[in-house]
């Protein structure tokens, strides 16, 4: 059976995205379940997963990964109907 992997990113509180959680198998399942409960969008991108798996929890995304992560973030913005900068507004002012 193929192992399950998951990596969570956070962007908005810092100037660059950071890895906030990562895990395999059972821990990955828990990360994905929590994302679903919280309404967090999940992207399935094996190439990005391979790149991000080299990072530790709490680590900033390095500059050579900006483009790949920006693609995912732009997809999330689009799905949520947001524009860049909305993540820094109070929840009642952001166009979610």
N, C-alpha and C. Protein backbone atom coordinates (compact mmCIF):
# COMPACT_ATOMS: atom_id res chain seq x y z
N UNK A 1 0.84 -1.18 0.00
CA UNK A 1 0.00 0.00 0.00
C UNK A 1 0.89 1.25 0.00
N UNK A 2 0.55 2.21 -0.86
CA UNK A 2 1.31 3.45 -0.97
C UNK A 2 1.12 4.28 0.29
N UNK A 3 2.20 4.90 0.76
CA UNK A 3 2.08 5.71 1.97
C UNK A 3 1.44 7.06 1.64
N UNK A 4 0.68 7.57 2.58
CA UNK A 4 0.00 8.85 2.46
C UNK A 4 0.88 9.92 3.09
N UNK A 5 1.02 11.06 2.41
CA UNK A 5 1.80 12.18 2.95
C UNK A 5 0.97 13.44 2.87
N UNK A 6 1.17 14.34 3.84
CA UNK A 6 0.48 15.63 3.84
C UNK A 6 1.39 16.68 4.44
N UNK A 7 1.31 17.88 3.87
CA UNK A 7 2.05 19.03 4.38
C UNK A 7 1.09 20.21 4.40
N UNK A 8 1.06 20.91 5.52
CA UNK A 8 0.19 22.08 5.67
C UNK A 8 1.04 23.34 5.61
N UNK A 9 0.52 24.33 4.89
CA UNK A 9 1.18 25.62 4.77
C UNK A 9 0.30 26.70 5.38
N UNK A 10 0.93 27.74 5.91
CA UNK A 10 0.21 28.91 6.43
C UNK A 10 0.80 30.12 5.76
N UNK A 11 -0.09 31.01 5.33
CA UNK A 11 0.36 32.27 4.75
C UNK A 11 -0.58 33.37 5.18
N UNK A 12 -0.01 34.49 5.56
CA UNK A 12 -0.82 35.63 5.97
C UNK A 12 -0.26 36.29 7.21
N UNK A 13 0.18 35.52 8.17
CA UNK A 13 0.75 36.09 9.39
C UNK A 13 2.22 36.44 9.21
N UNK A 14 2.88 35.83 8.24
CA UNK A 14 4.29 36.08 7.96
C UNK A 14 4.42 36.56 6.52
N UNK A 15 5.58 37.10 6.20
CA UNK A 15 5.77 37.61 4.84
C UNK A 15 5.94 36.49 3.82
N UNK A 16 6.30 35.32 4.26
CA UNK A 16 6.41 34.16 3.36
C UNK A 16 5.64 32.99 3.95
N UNK A 17 5.15 32.09 3.09
CA UNK A 17 4.46 30.90 3.60
C UNK A 17 5.41 30.04 4.45
N UNK A 18 4.85 29.35 5.41
CA UNK A 18 5.62 28.45 6.28
C UNK A 18 4.94 27.09 6.36
N UNK A 19 5.75 26.08 6.60
CA UNK A 19 5.24 24.74 6.85
C UNK A 19 4.73 24.71 8.29
N UNK A 20 3.46 24.34 8.46
CA UNK A 20 2.89 24.30 9.81
C UNK A 20 2.67 22.89 10.32
N UNK A 21 2.62 21.93 9.42
CA UNK A 21 2.46 20.53 9.82
C UNK A 21 2.88 19.65 8.66
N UNK A 22 3.38 18.49 9.00
CA UNK A 22 3.69 17.50 7.97
C UNK A 22 3.68 16.13 8.61
N UNK A 23 3.34 15.14 7.81
CA UNK A 23 3.31 13.80 8.36
C UNK A 23 3.02 12.76 7.29
N UNK A 24 3.15 11.52 7.69
CA UNK A 24 2.89 10.39 6.81
C UNK A 24 1.86 9.48 7.46
N UNK A 25 1.16 8.75 6.60
CA UNK A 25 0.19 7.73 7.01
C UNK A 25 -0.84 8.27 8.00
N UNK A 26 -0.87 7.81 9.23
CA UNK A 26 -1.90 8.21 10.19
C UNK A 26 -1.85 9.70 10.48
N UNK A 27 -0.66 10.26 10.67
CA UNK A 27 -0.55 11.69 10.93
C UNK A 27 -1.02 12.49 9.71
N UNK A 28 -0.68 12.04 8.53
CA UNK A 28 -1.15 12.70 7.30
C UNK A 28 -2.68 12.66 7.23
N UNK A 29 -3.28 11.54 7.56
CA UNK A 29 -4.73 11.42 7.57
C UNK A 29 -5.34 12.42 8.55
N UNK A 30 -4.74 12.56 9.73
CA UNK A 30 -5.24 13.51 10.73
C UNK A 30 -5.11 14.95 10.23
N UNK A 31 -4.00 15.28 9.55
CA UNK A 31 -3.82 16.61 8.98
C UNK A 31 -4.91 16.89 7.95
N UNK A 32 -5.15 15.94 7.06
CA UNK A 32 -6.16 16.10 6.02
C UNK A 32 -7.57 16.19 6.61
N UNK A 33 -7.85 15.37 7.62
CA UNK A 33 -9.17 15.42 8.28
C UNK A 33 -9.40 16.78 8.94
N UNK A 34 -8.37 17.29 9.62
CA UNK A 34 -8.49 18.59 10.28
C UNK A 34 -8.65 19.70 9.25
N UNK A 35 -7.93 19.61 8.15
CA UNK A 35 -8.08 20.61 7.08
C UNK A 35 -9.52 20.62 6.59
N UNK A 36 -10.08 19.45 6.38
CA UNK A 36 -11.46 19.36 5.90
C UNK A 36 -12.42 19.96 6.93
N UNK A 37 -12.22 19.64 8.22
CA UNK A 37 -13.08 20.19 9.27
C UNK A 37 -13.00 21.70 9.32
N UNK A 38 -11.82 22.27 9.07
CA UNK A 38 -11.61 23.71 9.15
C UNK A 38 -11.93 24.44 7.84
N UNK A 39 -12.32 23.69 6.82
CA UNK A 39 -12.64 24.31 5.54
C UNK A 39 -11.41 24.75 4.75
N UNK A 40 -10.28 24.12 5.04
CA UNK A 40 -9.03 24.45 4.35
C UNK A 40 -8.99 23.68 3.04
N UNK A 41 -8.63 24.37 1.97
CA UNK A 41 -8.54 23.73 0.67
C UNK A 41 -7.30 22.85 0.61
N UNK A 42 -7.45 21.69 -0.02
CA UNK A 42 -6.36 20.72 -0.13
C UNK A 42 -6.03 20.53 -1.60
N UNK A 43 -4.76 20.71 -1.92
CA UNK A 43 -4.28 20.48 -3.29
C UNK A 43 -3.49 19.18 -3.30
N UNK A 44 -3.69 18.40 -4.34
CA UNK A 44 -2.92 17.17 -4.51
C UNK A 44 -1.92 17.40 -5.63
N UNK A 45 -0.67 17.62 -5.25
CA UNK A 45 0.39 17.92 -6.20
C UNK A 45 1.63 17.16 -5.78
N UNK A 46 1.86 15.98 -6.36
CA UNK A 46 3.00 15.14 -5.94
C UNK A 46 4.36 15.83 -6.09
N UNK A 47 4.52 16.65 -7.12
CA UNK A 47 5.80 17.34 -7.31
C UNK A 47 6.03 18.38 -6.22
N UNK A 48 4.99 19.15 -5.89
CA UNK A 48 5.12 20.13 -4.82
C UNK A 48 5.32 19.44 -3.48
N UNK A 49 4.63 18.35 -3.26
CA UNK A 49 4.80 17.57 -2.04
C UNK A 49 6.25 17.12 -1.89
N UNK A 50 6.86 16.64 -2.98
CA UNK A 50 8.25 16.20 -2.93
C UNK A 50 9.18 17.36 -2.56
N UNK A 51 8.92 18.54 -3.10
CA UNK A 51 9.74 19.71 -2.76
C UNK A 51 9.55 20.11 -1.31
N UNK A 52 8.29 20.23 -0.88
CA UNK A 52 8.00 20.69 0.47
C UNK A 52 8.41 19.70 1.55
N UNK A 53 8.47 18.43 1.21
CA UNK A 53 8.82 17.41 2.22
C UNK A 53 10.26 17.56 2.70
N UNK A 54 11.07 18.34 1.97
CA UNK A 54 12.45 18.58 2.41
C UNK A 54 12.52 19.61 3.54
N UNK A 55 11.42 20.32 3.78
CA UNK A 55 11.39 21.37 4.79
C UNK A 55 10.91 20.84 6.13
N UNK A 56 11.31 21.54 7.19
CA UNK A 56 10.87 21.19 8.54
C UNK A 56 9.68 22.05 8.93
N UNK A 57 8.91 21.58 9.89
CA UNK A 57 7.79 22.35 10.42
C UNK A 57 8.33 23.67 10.99
N UNK A 58 7.67 24.76 10.62
CA UNK A 58 8.09 26.09 11.06
C UNK A 58 9.01 26.79 10.08
N UNK A 59 9.52 26.05 9.12
CA UNK A 59 10.47 26.62 8.15
C UNK A 59 9.74 27.42 7.07
N UNK A 60 10.34 28.55 6.70
CA UNK A 60 9.81 29.36 5.61
C UNK A 60 10.05 28.66 4.28
N UNK A 61 9.16 28.93 3.33
CA UNK A 61 9.33 28.41 1.98
C UNK A 61 10.52 29.13 1.36
N UNK A 62 11.52 28.41 0.87
CA UNK A 62 12.68 29.07 0.25
C UNK A 62 12.30 29.69 -1.10
N UNK A 63 13.09 30.66 -1.51
CA UNK A 63 12.80 31.43 -2.72
C UNK A 63 12.64 30.55 -3.95
N UNK A 64 13.39 29.47 -4.05
CA UNK A 64 13.29 28.61 -5.24
C UNK A 64 11.97 27.85 -5.32
N UNK A 65 11.15 27.91 -4.26
CA UNK A 65 9.84 27.26 -4.27
C UNK A 65 8.69 28.26 -4.38
N UNK A 66 8.99 29.56 -4.44
CA UNK A 66 7.95 30.58 -4.47
C UNK A 66 6.96 30.36 -5.60
N UNK A 67 7.44 30.10 -6.80
CA UNK A 67 6.53 29.97 -7.94
C UNK A 67 5.56 28.82 -7.74
N UNK A 68 6.06 27.67 -7.31
CA UNK A 68 5.20 26.50 -7.12
C UNK A 68 4.15 26.77 -6.04
N UNK A 69 4.56 27.39 -4.95
CA UNK A 69 3.63 27.69 -3.86
C UNK A 69 2.65 28.79 -4.29
N UNK A 70 3.12 29.76 -5.06
CA UNK A 70 2.25 30.84 -5.53
C UNK A 70 1.11 30.30 -6.39
N UNK A 71 1.38 29.27 -7.17
CA UNK A 71 0.33 28.66 -7.98
C UNK A 71 -0.77 28.10 -7.08
N UNK A 72 -0.38 27.41 -6.02
CA UNK A 72 -1.36 26.85 -5.08
C UNK A 72 -2.11 27.97 -4.38
N UNK A 73 -1.38 28.99 -3.91
CA UNK A 73 -2.04 30.10 -3.21
C UNK A 73 -3.01 30.84 -4.12
N UNK A 74 -2.64 31.03 -5.38
CA UNK A 74 -3.55 31.73 -6.29
C UNK A 74 -4.82 30.91 -6.52
N UNK A 75 -4.68 29.61 -6.57
CA UNK A 75 -5.83 28.71 -6.70
C UNK A 75 -6.75 28.86 -5.48
N UNK A 76 -6.17 28.90 -4.28
CA UNK A 76 -6.96 29.05 -3.06
C UNK A 76 -7.65 30.40 -3.03
N UNK A 77 -6.93 31.46 -3.37
CA UNK A 77 -7.55 32.79 -3.44
C UNK A 77 -8.76 32.74 -4.37
N UNK A 78 -8.58 32.17 -5.55
CA UNK A 78 -9.65 32.10 -6.53
C UNK A 78 -10.85 31.34 -5.98
N UNK A 79 -10.60 30.18 -5.36
CA UNK A 79 -11.69 29.38 -4.81
C UNK A 79 -12.46 30.13 -3.72
N UNK A 80 -11.76 30.91 -2.93
CA UNK A 80 -12.39 31.64 -1.84
C UNK A 80 -12.93 33.00 -2.27
N UNK A 81 -12.71 33.38 -3.53
CA UNK A 81 -13.16 34.69 -3.99
C UNK A 81 -12.39 35.82 -3.34
N UNK A 82 -11.13 35.57 -2.98
CA UNK A 82 -10.30 36.56 -2.31
C UNK A 82 -9.35 37.23 -3.30
N UNK A 83 -8.78 38.33 -2.84
CA UNK A 83 -7.73 39.01 -3.57
C UNK A 83 -6.52 39.10 -2.65
N UNK A 84 -5.32 39.23 -3.21
CA UNK A 84 -4.14 39.38 -2.37
C UNK A 84 -4.32 40.55 -1.39
N UNK A 85 -3.97 40.31 -0.15
CA UNK A 85 -4.14 41.31 0.90
C UNK A 85 -5.35 41.03 1.77
N UNK A 86 -6.34 40.31 1.24
CA UNK A 86 -7.53 39.99 2.03
C UNK A 86 -7.19 39.18 3.28
N UNK A 87 -6.14 38.36 3.21
CA UNK A 87 -5.79 37.51 4.36
C UNK A 87 -5.33 38.34 5.55
N UNK A 88 -4.96 39.60 5.32
CA UNK A 88 -4.49 40.46 6.40
C UNK A 88 -5.62 41.29 7.01
N UNK A 89 -6.79 41.26 6.39
CA UNK A 89 -7.93 42.02 6.89
C UNK A 89 -8.63 41.21 7.98
N UNK A 90 -9.31 41.90 8.91
CA UNK A 90 -10.14 41.16 9.88
C UNK A 90 -11.18 40.34 9.12
N UNK A 91 -11.57 39.23 9.68
CA UNK A 91 -12.47 38.29 9.01
C UNK A 91 -13.76 38.94 8.52
N UNK A 92 -14.27 39.93 9.26
CA UNK A 92 -15.53 40.55 8.85
C UNK A 92 -15.35 41.52 7.68
N UNK A 93 -14.10 41.86 7.31
CA UNK A 93 -13.85 42.76 6.20
C UNK A 93 -13.37 42.03 4.95
N UNK A 94 -12.83 40.83 5.10
CA UNK A 94 -12.32 40.08 3.94
C UNK A 94 -13.47 39.55 3.13
N UNK A 95 -13.28 39.50 1.83
CA UNK A 95 -14.34 38.96 0.97
C UNK A 95 -14.17 37.46 0.86
N UNK A 96 -14.70 36.77 1.85
CA UNK A 96 -14.59 35.32 1.88
C UNK A 96 -15.83 34.77 1.25
